[in-house]
mmCIF file of all heavy atoms, coordinates in Angstrom:
data_MODEL
# 
_entry.id   MODEL 
# 
loop_
_atom_site.group_PDB 
_atom_site.id 
_atom_site.type_symbol 
_atom_site.label_atom_id 
_atom_site.label_alt_id 
_atom_site.label_comp_id 
_atom_site.label_asym_id 
_atom_site.label_entity_id 
_atom_site.label_seq_id 
_atom_site.pdbx_PDB_ins_code 
_atom_site.Cartn_x 
_atom_site.Cartn_y 
_atom_site.Cartn_z 
_atom_site.occupancy 
_atom_site.B_iso_or_equiv 
_atom_site.pdbx_formal_charge 
_atom_site.auth_seq_id 
_atom_site.auth_comp_id 
_atom_site.auth_asym_id 
_atom_site.auth_atom_id 
_atom_site.pdbx_PDB_model_num 
ATOM 1   N N   . VAL A 1 1  ? 153.684 236.386 96.622  1.00 0.00 ? 1  VAL A N   1 
ATOM 2   C CA  . VAL A 1 1  ? 154.050 235.714 97.912  1.00 0.00 ? 1  VAL A CA  1 
ATOM 3   C C   . VAL A 1 1  ? 155.489 235.166 97.964  1.00 0.00 ? 1  VAL A C   1 
ATOM 4   O O   . VAL A 1 1  ? 156.183 235.468 99.038  1.00 0.00 ? 1  VAL A O   1 
ATOM 5   C CB  . VAL A 1 1  ? 153.022 234.485 98.241  1.00 0.00 ? 1  VAL A CB  1 
ATOM 6   C CG1 . VAL A 1 1  ? 153.419 233.894 99.557  1.00 0.00 ? 1  VAL A CG1 1 
ATOM 7   C CG2 . VAL A 1 1  ? 151.656 234.981 98.212  1.00 0.00 ? 1  VAL A CG2 1 
ATOM 8   N N   . GLU A 1 2  ? 155.943 234.722 96.875  1.00 0.00 ? 2  GLU A N   1 
ATOM 9   C CA  . GLU A 1 2  ? 157.354 234.203 96.769  1.00 0.00 ? 2  GLU A CA  1 
ATOM 10  C C   . GLU A 1 2  ? 158.254 235.454 97.011  1.00 0.00 ? 2  GLU A C   1 
ATOM 11  O O   . GLU A 1 2  ? 159.307 235.312 97.695  1.00 0.00 ? 2  GLU A O   1 
ATOM 12  C CB  . GLU A 1 2  ? 157.589 233.614 95.401  1.00 0.00 ? 2  GLU A CB  1 
ATOM 13  C CG  . GLU A 1 2  ? 156.899 232.176 95.277  1.00 0.00 ? 2  GLU A CG  1 
ATOM 14  C CD  . GLU A 1 2  ? 157.019 231.637 93.901  1.00 0.00 ? 2  GLU A CD  1 
ATOM 15  O OE1 . GLU A 1 2  ? 157.276 232.485 92.962  1.00 0.00 ? 2  GLU A OE1 1 
ATOM 16  O OE2 . GLU A 1 2  ? 156.935 230.461 93.691  1.00 0.00 ? 2  GLU A OE2 1 
ATOM 17  N N   . ASP A 1 3  ? 157.990 236.532 96.347  1.00 0.00 ? 3  ASP A N   1 
ATOM 18  C CA  . ASP A 1 3  ? 158.903 237.754 96.486  1.00 0.00 ? 3  ASP A CA  1 
ATOM 19  C C   . ASP A 1 3  ? 158.882 238.226 97.829  1.00 0.00 ? 3  ASP A C   1 
ATOM 20  O O   . ASP A 1 3  ? 159.974 238.663 98.426  1.00 0.00 ? 3  ASP A O   1 
ATOM 21  C CB  . ASP A 1 3  ? 158.397 238.871 95.531  1.00 0.00 ? 3  ASP A CB  1 
ATOM 22  C CG  . ASP A 1 3  ? 159.284 240.028 95.585  1.00 0.00 ? 3  ASP A CG  1 
ATOM 23  O OD1 . ASP A 1 3  ? 160.419 239.927 95.105  1.00 0.00 ? 3  ASP A OD1 1 
ATOM 24  O OD2 . ASP A 1 3  ? 158.825 241.020 96.049  1.00 0.00 ? 3  ASP A OD2 1 
ATOM 25  N N   . VAL A 1 4  ? 157.806 238.270 98.507  1.00 0.00 ? 4  VAL A N   1 
ATOM 26  C CA  . VAL A 1 4  ? 157.576 238.687 99.980  1.00 0.00 ? 4  VAL A CA  1 
ATOM 27  C C   . VAL A 1 4  ? 158.510 237.886 100.845 1.00 0.00 ? 4  VAL A C   1 
ATOM 28  O O   . VAL A 1 4  ? 159.306 238.447 101.673 1.00 0.00 ? 4  VAL A O   1 
ATOM 29  C CB  . VAL A 1 4  ? 156.209 238.714 100.440 1.00 0.00 ? 4  VAL A CB  1 
ATOM 30  C CG1 . VAL A 1 4  ? 156.080 238.920 101.967 1.00 0.00 ? 4  VAL A CG1 1 
ATOM 31  C CG2 . VAL A 1 4  ? 155.384 239.782 99.735  1.00 0.00 ? 4  VAL A CG2 1 
ATOM 32  N N   . ILE A 1 5  ? 158.444 236.615 100.709 1.00 0.00 ? 5  ILE A N   1 
ATOM 33  C CA  . ILE A 1 5  ? 159.187 235.611 101.493 1.00 0.00 ? 5  ILE A CA  1 
ATOM 34  C C   . ILE A 1 5  ? 160.779 235.960 101.139 1.00 0.00 ? 5  ILE A C   1 
ATOM 35  O O   . ILE A 1 5  ? 161.499 236.067 102.075 1.00 0.00 ? 5  ILE A O   1 
ATOM 36  C CB  . ILE A 1 5  ? 158.792 234.212 101.202 1.00 0.00 ? 5  ILE A CB  1 
ATOM 37  C CG1 . ILE A 1 5  ? 157.443 234.040 101.781 1.00 0.00 ? 5  ILE A CG1 1 
ATOM 38  C CG2 . ILE A 1 5  ? 159.772 233.309 101.949 1.00 0.00 ? 5  ILE A CG2 1 
ATOM 39  C CD1 . ILE A 1 5  ? 156.693 232.673 101.521 1.00 0.00 ? 5  ILE A CD1 1 
ATOM 40  N N   . ALA A 1 6  ? 161.000 235.932 99.943  1.00 0.00 ? 6  ALA A N   1 
ATOM 41  C CA  . ALA A 1 6  ? 162.457 235.961 99.455  1.00 0.00 ? 6  ALA A CA  1 
ATOM 42  C C   . ALA A 1 6  ? 163.114 237.324 99.869  1.00 0.00 ? 6  ALA A C   1 
ATOM 43  O O   . ALA A 1 6  ? 164.260 237.315 100.326 1.00 0.00 ? 6  ALA A O   1 
ATOM 44  C CB  . ALA A 1 6  ? 162.513 235.801 98.000  1.00 0.00 ? 6  ALA A CB  1 
ATOM 45  N N   . SER A 1 7  ? 162.278 238.388 99.821  1.00 0.00 ? 7  SER A N   1 
ATOM 46  C CA  . SER A 1 7  ? 162.902 239.653 100.209 1.00 0.00 ? 7  SER A CA  1 
ATOM 47  C C   . SER A 1 7  ? 162.820 240.135 101.608 1.00 0.00 ? 7  SER A C   1 
ATOM 48  O O   . SER A 1 7  ? 163.296 241.136 102.009 1.00 0.00 ? 7  SER A O   1 
ATOM 49  C CB  . SER A 1 7  ? 162.278 240.811 99.209  1.00 0.00 ? 7  SER A CB  1 
ATOM 50  O OG  . SER A 1 7  ? 160.857 240.791 99.490  1.00 0.00 ? 7  SER A OG  1 
ATOM 51  N N   . ASN A 1 8  ? 162.086 239.356 102.419 1.00 0.00 ? 8  ASN A N   1 
ATOM 52  C CA  . ASN A 1 8  ? 161.887 239.751 103.818 1.00 0.00 ? 8  ASN A CA  1 
ATOM 53  C C   . ASN A 1 8  ? 162.362 238.743 104.844 1.00 0.00 ? 8  ASN A C   1 
ATOM 54  O O   . ASN A 1 8  ? 162.311 238.960 106.069 1.00 0.00 ? 8  ASN A O   1 
ATOM 55  C CB  . ASN A 1 8  ? 160.445 240.005 104.062 1.00 0.00 ? 8  ASN A CB  1 
ATOM 56  C CG  . ASN A 1 8  ? 159.967 241.348 103.413 1.00 0.00 ? 8  ASN A CG  1 
ATOM 57  O OD1 . ASN A 1 8  ? 160.122 242.450 103.908 1.00 0.00 ? 8  ASN A OD1 1 
ATOM 58  N ND2 . ASN A 1 8  ? 159.312 241.100 102.266 1.00 0.00 ? 8  ASN A ND2 1 
ATOM 59  N N   . VAL A 1 9  ? 162.881 237.535 104.369 1.00 0.00 ? 9  VAL A N   1 
ATOM 60  C CA  . VAL A 1 9  ? 163.498 236.610 105.238 1.00 0.00 ? 9  VAL A CA  1 
ATOM 61  C C   . VAL A 1 9  ? 164.967 236.582 104.849 1.00 0.00 ? 9  VAL A C   1 
ATOM 62  O O   . VAL A 1 9  ? 165.293 236.324 103.771 1.00 0.00 ? 9  VAL A O   1 
ATOM 63  C CB  . VAL A 1 9  ? 162.842 235.215 105.078 1.00 0.00 ? 9  VAL A CB  1 
ATOM 64  C CG1 . VAL A 1 9  ? 163.662 234.098 105.888 1.00 0.00 ? 9  VAL A CG1 1 
ATOM 65  C CG2 . VAL A 1 9  ? 161.412 235.131 105.430 1.00 0.00 ? 9  VAL A CG2 1 
ATOM 66  N N   . ASN A 1 10 ? 165.779 236.889 105.917 1.00 0.00 ? 10 ASN A N   1 
ATOM 67  C CA  . ASN A 1 10 ? 167.136 236.910 105.682 1.00 0.00 ? 10 ASN A CA  1 
ATOM 68  C C   . ASN A 1 10 ? 167.843 235.507 105.625 1.00 0.00 ? 10 ASN A C   1 
ATOM 69  O O   . ASN A 1 10 ? 167.623 234.691 106.554 1.00 0.00 ? 10 ASN A O   1 
ATOM 70  C CB  . ASN A 1 10 ? 167.857 237.780 106.712 1.00 0.00 ? 10 ASN A CB  1 
ATOM 71  C CG  . ASN A 1 10 ? 169.322 238.106 106.520 1.00 0.00 ? 10 ASN A CG  1 
ATOM 72  O OD1 . ASN A 1 10 ? 169.825 237.666 105.442 1.00 0.00 ? 10 ASN A OD1 1 
ATOM 73  N ND2 . ASN A 1 10 ? 169.917 238.920 107.285 1.00 0.00 ? 10 ASN A ND2 1 
ATOM 74  N N   . ARG A 1 11 ? 168.489 235.251 104.482 1.00 0.00 ? 11 ARG A N   1 
ATOM 75  C CA  . ARG A 1 11 ? 168.976 234.002 104.038 1.00 0.00 ? 11 ARG A CA  1 
ATOM 76  C C   . ARG A 1 11 ? 167.749 233.138 103.400 1.00 0.00 ? 11 ARG A C   1 
ATOM 77  O O   . ARG A 1 11 ? 166.714 232.988 104.006 1.00 0.00 ? 11 ARG A O   1 
ATOM 78  C CB  . ARG A 1 11 ? 169.632 233.107 105.102 1.00 0.00 ? 11 ARG A CB  1 
ATOM 79  C CG  . ARG A 1 11 ? 170.970 233.723 105.290 1.00 0.00 ? 11 ARG A CG  1 
ATOM 80  C CD  . ARG A 1 11 ? 171.917 232.648 105.986 1.00 0.00 ? 11 ARG A CD  1 
ATOM 81  N NE  . ARG A 1 11 ? 171.624 232.618 107.436 1.00 0.00 ? 11 ARG A NE  1 
ATOM 82  C CZ  . ARG A 1 11 ? 172.197 231.743 108.279 1.00 0.00 ? 11 ARG A CZ  1 
ATOM 83  N NH1 . ARG A 1 11 ? 173.236 231.038 107.775 1.00 0.00 ? 11 ARG A NH1 1 
ATOM 84  N NH2 . ARG A 1 11 ? 171.780 231.627 109.544 1.00 0.00 ? 11 ARG A NH2 1 
ATOM 85  N N   . GLN A 1 12 ? 167.895 232.794 102.182 1.00 0.00 ? 12 GLN A N   1 
ATOM 86  C CA  . GLN A 1 12 ? 166.820 232.068 101.590 1.00 0.00 ? 12 GLN A CA  1 
ATOM 87  C C   . GLN A 1 12 ? 166.640 230.780 102.195 1.00 0.00 ? 12 GLN A C   1 
ATOM 88  O O   . GLN A 1 12 ? 167.599 230.162 102.836 1.00 0.00 ? 12 GLN A O   1 
ATOM 89  C CB  . GLN A 1 12 ? 167.312 231.854 100.078 1.00 0.00 ? 12 GLN A CB  1 
ATOM 90  C CG  . GLN A 1 12 ? 167.460 233.107 99.209  1.00 0.00 ? 12 GLN A CG  1 
ATOM 91  C CD  . GLN A 1 12 ? 166.145 233.893 99.107  1.00 0.00 ? 12 GLN A CD  1 
ATOM 92  O OE1 . GLN A 1 12 ? 165.221 233.427 98.488  1.00 0.00 ? 12 GLN A OE1 1 
ATOM 93  N NE2 . GLN A 1 12 ? 166.183 235.104 99.575  1.00 0.00 ? 12 GLN A NE2 1 
ATOM 94  N N   . ILE A 1 13 ? 165.389 230.331 102.158 1.00 0.00 ? 13 ILE A N   1 
ATOM 95  C CA  . ILE A 1 13 ? 164.999 229.044 102.807 1.00 0.00 ? 13 ILE A CA  1 
ATOM 96  C C   . ILE A 1 13 ? 165.018 227.984 101.656 1.00 0.00 ? 13 ILE A C   1 
ATOM 97  O O   . ILE A 1 13 ? 164.167 227.926 100.827 1.00 0.00 ? 13 ILE A O   1 
ATOM 98  C CB  . ILE A 1 13 ? 163.694 229.025 103.477 1.00 0.00 ? 13 ILE A CB  1 
ATOM 99  C CG1 . ILE A 1 13 ? 163.627 230.093 104.612 1.00 0.00 ? 13 ILE A CG1 1 
ATOM 100 C CG2 . ILE A 1 13 ? 163.291 227.682 104.052 1.00 0.00 ? 13 ILE A CG2 1 
ATOM 101 C CD1 . ILE A 1 13 ? 162.251 230.385 105.106 1.00 0.00 ? 13 ILE A CD1 1 
ATOM 102 N N   . PRO A 1 14 ? 166.020 226.966 101.650 1.00 0.00 ? 14 PRO A N   1 
ATOM 103 C CA  . PRO A 1 14 ? 166.103 226.060 100.621 1.00 0.00 ? 14 PRO A CA  1 
ATOM 104 C C   . PRO A 1 14 ? 164.883 225.074 100.608 1.00 0.00 ? 14 PRO A C   1 
ATOM 105 O O   . PRO A 1 14 ? 164.645 224.574 101.694 1.00 0.00 ? 14 PRO A O   1 
ATOM 106 C CB  . PRO A 1 14 ? 167.388 225.435 100.741 1.00 0.00 ? 14 PRO A CB  1 
ATOM 107 C CG  . PRO A 1 14 ? 167.767 225.597 102.185 1.00 0.00 ? 14 PRO A CG  1 
ATOM 108 C CD  . PRO A 1 14 ? 167.160 226.967 102.607 1.00 0.00 ? 14 PRO A CD  1 
ATOM 109 N N   . GLY A 1 15 ? 164.302 224.805 99.485  1.00 0.00 ? 15 GLY A N   1 
ATOM 110 C CA  . GLY A 1 15 ? 163.301 223.820 99.264  1.00 0.00 ? 15 GLY A CA  1 
ATOM 111 C C   . GLY A 1 15 ? 161.876 224.304 99.676  1.00 0.00 ? 15 GLY A C   1 
ATOM 112 O O   . GLY A 1 15 ? 160.906 223.531 99.563  1.00 0.00 ? 15 GLY A O   1 
ATOM 113 N N   . LEU A 1 16 ? 161.815 225.669 99.968  1.00 0.00 ? 16 LEU A N   1 
ATOM 114 C CA  . LEU A 1 16 ? 160.456 226.157 100.190 1.00 0.00 ? 16 LEU A CA  1 
ATOM 115 C C   . LEU A 1 16 ? 159.553 226.190 98.963  1.00 0.00 ? 16 LEU A C   1 
ATOM 116 O O   . LEU A 1 16 ? 160.103 226.580 97.859  1.00 0.00 ? 16 LEU A O   1 
ATOM 117 C CB  . LEU A 1 16 ? 160.503 227.582 100.719 1.00 0.00 ? 16 LEU A CB  1 
ATOM 118 C CG  . LEU A 1 16 ? 159.186 228.345 101.164 1.00 0.00 ? 16 LEU A CG  1 
ATOM 119 C CD1 . LEU A 1 16 ? 159.388 229.169 102.336 1.00 0.00 ? 16 LEU A CD1 1 
ATOM 120 C CD2 . LEU A 1 16 ? 158.580 229.066 99.967  1.00 0.00 ? 16 LEU A CD2 1 
ATOM 121 N N   . VAL A 1 17 ? 158.381 225.739 99.023  1.00 0.00 ? 17 VAL A N   1 
ATOM 122 C CA  . VAL A 1 17 ? 157.468 225.591 97.675  1.00 0.00 ? 17 VAL A CA  1 
ATOM 123 C C   . VAL A 1 17 ? 156.119 226.154 98.126  1.00 0.00 ? 17 VAL A C   1 
ATOM 124 O O   . VAL A 1 17 ? 155.534 225.943 99.254  1.00 0.00 ? 17 VAL A O   1 
ATOM 125 C CB  . VAL A 1 17 ? 157.328 224.171 97.353  1.00 0.00 ? 17 VAL A CB  1 
ATOM 126 C CG1 . VAL A 1 17 ? 156.487 224.094 96.097  1.00 0.00 ? 17 VAL A CG1 1 
ATOM 127 C CG2 . VAL A 1 17 ? 158.699 223.509 97.002  1.00 0.00 ? 17 VAL A CG2 1 
ATOM 128 N N   . ILE A 1 18 ? 155.523 226.985 97.027  1.00 0.00 ? 18 ILE A N   1 
ATOM 129 C CA  . ILE A 1 18 ? 154.228 227.434 97.316  1.00 0.00 ? 18 ILE A CA  1 
ATOM 130 C C   . ILE A 1 18 ? 153.238 226.755 96.294  1.00 0.00 ? 18 ILE A C   1 
ATOM 131 O O   . ILE A 1 18 ? 153.556 226.799 95.081  1.00 0.00 ? 18 ILE A O   1 
ATOM 132 C CB  . ILE A 1 18 ? 154.123 228.969 96.970  1.00 0.00 ? 18 ILE A CB  1 
ATOM 133 C CG1 . ILE A 1 18 ? 155.013 229.710 98.110  1.00 0.00 ? 18 ILE A CG1 1 
ATOM 134 C CG2 . ILE A 1 18 ? 152.743 229.432 97.169  1.00 0.00 ? 18 ILE A CG2 1 
ATOM 135 C CD1 . ILE A 1 18 ? 155.101 231.153 97.961  1.00 0.00 ? 18 ILE A CD1 1 
ATOM 136 N N   . HIS A 1 19 ? 152.148 226.053 96.720  1.00 0.00 ? 19 HIS A N   1 
ATOM 137 C CA  . HIS A 1 19 ? 151.236 225.416 95.900  1.00 0.00 ? 19 HIS A CA  1 
ATOM 138 C C   . HIS A 1 19 ? 149.959 226.239 95.863  1.00 0.00 ? 19 HIS A C   1 
ATOM 139 O O   . HIS A 1 19 ? 149.281 226.346 96.823  1.00 0.00 ? 19 HIS A O   1 
ATOM 140 C CB  . HIS A 1 19 ? 151.013 224.063 96.415  1.00 0.00 ? 19 HIS A CB  1 
ATOM 141 C CG  . HIS A 1 19 ? 152.137 223.095 96.445  1.00 0.00 ? 19 HIS A CG  1 
ATOM 142 N ND1 . HIS A 1 19 ? 152.415 222.250 95.343  1.00 0.00 ? 19 HIS A ND1 1 
ATOM 143 C CD2 . HIS A 1 19 ? 152.996 222.826 97.385  1.00 0.00 ? 19 HIS A CD2 1 
ATOM 144 C CE1 . HIS A 1 19 ? 153.527 221.592 95.605  1.00 0.00 ? 19 HIS A CE1 1 
ATOM 145 N NE2 . HIS A 1 19 ? 153.915 221.850 96.756  1.00 0.00 ? 19 HIS A NE2 1 
ATOM 146 N N   . PRO A 1 20 ? 149.635 226.783 94.692  1.00 0.00 ? 20 PRO A N   1 
ATOM 147 C CA  . PRO A 1 20 ? 148.393 227.462 94.458  1.00 0.00 ? 20 PRO A CA  1 
ATOM 148 C C   . PRO A 1 20 ? 147.227 226.500 94.274  1.00 0.00 ? 20 PRO A C   1 
ATOM 149 O O   . PRO A 1 20 ? 147.352 225.571 93.458  1.00 0.00 ? 20 PRO A O   1 
ATOM 150 C CB  . PRO A 1 20 ? 148.641 228.537 93.292  1.00 0.00 ? 20 PRO A CB  1 
ATOM 151 C CG  . PRO A 1 20 ? 149.608 227.750 92.541  1.00 0.00 ? 20 PRO A CG  1 
ATOM 152 C CD  . PRO A 1 20 ? 150.498 226.912 93.507  1.00 0.00 ? 20 PRO A CD  1 
ATOM 153 N N   . ILE A 1 21 ? 146.095 226.682 94.942  1.00 0.00 ? 21 ILE A N   1 
ATOM 154 C CA  . ILE A 1 21 ? 144.940 225.997 94.574  1.00 0.00 ? 21 ILE A CA  1 
ATOM 155 C C   . ILE A 1 21 ? 143.808 227.016 94.074  1.00 0.00 ? 21 ILE A C   1 
ATOM 156 O O   . ILE A 1 21 ? 143.518 227.888 94.840  1.00 0.00 ? 21 ILE A O   1 
ATOM 157 C CB  . ILE A 1 21 ? 144.383 225.256 95.905  1.00 0.00 ? 21 ILE A CB  1 
ATOM 158 C CG1 . ILE A 1 21 ? 145.366 224.319 96.377  1.00 0.00 ? 21 ILE A CG1 1 
ATOM 159 C CG2 . ILE A 1 21 ? 143.039 224.557 95.537  1.00 0.00 ? 21 ILE A CG2 1 
ATOM 160 C CD1 . ILE A 1 21 ? 144.941 223.643 97.658  1.00 0.00 ? 21 ILE A CD1 1 
ATOM 161 N N   . ARG A 1 22 ? 143.416 226.830 92.828  1.00 0.00 ? 22 ARG A N   1 
ATOM 162 C CA  . ARG A 1 22 ? 142.509 227.882 92.215  1.00 0.00 ? 22 ARG A CA  1 
ATOM 163 C C   . ARG A 1 22 ? 141.135 227.334 92.435  1.00 0.00 ? 22 ARG A C   1 
ATOM 164 O O   . ARG A 1 22 ? 140.720 226.174 91.990  1.00 0.00 ? 22 ARG A O   1 
ATOM 165 C CB  . ARG A 1 22 ? 142.880 227.935 90.686  1.00 0.00 ? 22 ARG A CB  1 
ATOM 166 C CG  . ARG A 1 22 ? 144.394 228.310 90.374  1.00 0.00 ? 22 ARG A CG  1 
ATOM 167 C CD  . ARG A 1 22 ? 144.794 229.576 91.097  1.00 0.00 ? 22 ARG A CD  1 
ATOM 168 N NE  . ARG A 1 22 ? 146.133 229.960 90.617  1.00 0.00 ? 22 ARG A NE  1 
ATOM 169 C CZ  . ARG A 1 22 ? 146.865 230.943 91.091  1.00 0.00 ? 22 ARG A CZ  1 
ATOM 170 N NH1 . ARG A 1 22 ? 146.408 231.678 92.068  1.00 0.00 ? 22 ARG A NH1 1 
ATOM 171 N NH2 . ARG A 1 22 ? 148.057 231.160 90.623  1.00 0.00 ? 22 ARG A NH2 1 
ATOM 172 N N   . LEU A 1 23 ? 140.363 228.222 93.030  1.00 0.00 ? 23 LEU A N   1 
ATOM 173 C CA  . LEU A 1 23 ? 138.855 227.949 93.134  1.00 0.00 ? 23 LEU A CA  1 
ATOM 174 C C   . LEU A 1 23 ? 138.170 228.190 91.908  1.00 0.00 ? 23 LEU A C   1 
ATOM 175 O O   . LEU A 1 23 ? 137.043 227.585 91.538  1.00 0.00 ? 23 LEU A O   1 
ATOM 176 C CB  . LEU A 1 23 ? 138.200 228.686 94.338  1.00 0.00 ? 23 LEU A CB  1 
ATOM 177 C CG  . LEU A 1 23 ? 138.372 228.213 95.716  1.00 0.00 ? 23 LEU A CG  1 
ATOM 178 C CD1 . LEU A 1 23 ? 139.941 228.080 96.020  1.00 0.00 ? 23 LEU A CD1 1 
ATOM 179 C CD2 . LEU A 1 23 ? 137.630 228.972 96.762  1.00 0.00 ? 23 LEU A CD2 1 
ATOM 180 N N   . ASN A 1 24 ? 138.685 229.124 91.042  1.00 0.00 ? 24 ASN A N   1 
ATOM 181 C CA  . ASN A 1 24 ? 138.170 229.332 89.709  1.00 0.00 ? 24 ASN A CA  1 
ATOM 182 C C   . ASN A 1 24 ? 139.238 229.985 88.878  1.00 0.00 ? 24 ASN A C   1 
ATOM 183 O O   . ASN A 1 24 ? 140.097 230.494 89.378  1.00 0.00 ? 24 ASN A O   1 
ATOM 184 C CB  . ASN A 1 24 ? 136.839 230.159 89.663  1.00 0.00 ? 24 ASN A CB  1 
ATOM 185 C CG  . ASN A 1 24 ? 137.077 231.518 90.245  1.00 0.00 ? 24 ASN A CG  1 
ATOM 186 O OD1 . ASN A 1 24 ? 137.805 232.359 89.571  1.00 0.00 ? 24 ASN A OD1 1 
ATOM 187 N ND2 . ASN A 1 24 ? 136.515 231.887 91.313  1.00 0.00 ? 24 ASN A ND2 1 
ATOM 188 N N   . LEU A 1 25 ? 139.029 229.995 87.580  1.00 0.00 ? 25 LEU A N   1 
ATOM 189 C CA  . LEU A 1 25 ? 139.970 230.404 86.672  1.00 0.00 ? 25 LEU A CA  1 
ATOM 190 C C   . LEU A 1 25 ? 139.555 231.772 86.061  1.00 0.00 ? 25 LEU A C   1 
ATOM 191 O O   . LEU A 1 25 ? 140.323 232.353 85.177  1.00 0.00 ? 25 LEU A O   1 
ATOM 192 C CB  . LEU A 1 25 ? 140.205 229.439 85.484  1.00 0.00 ? 25 LEU A CB  1 
ATOM 193 C CG  . LEU A 1 25 ? 140.739 228.029 85.941  1.00 0.00 ? 25 LEU A CG  1 
ATOM 194 C CD1 . LEU A 1 25 ? 140.911 227.195 84.729  1.00 0.00 ? 25 LEU A CD1 1 
ATOM 195 C CD2 . LEU A 1 25 ? 142.044 228.260 86.621  1.00 0.00 ? 25 LEU A CD2 1 
# 
C-alpha cells in the first residue's frame, strides 16, 4: 500500500502513516 501511494501520487505526502491492524497472525 505504501508503494502504491508513493509511486502513484505525484509529490510525496509528508507525514502520511499507515497503521496495520492484524485480526490474526
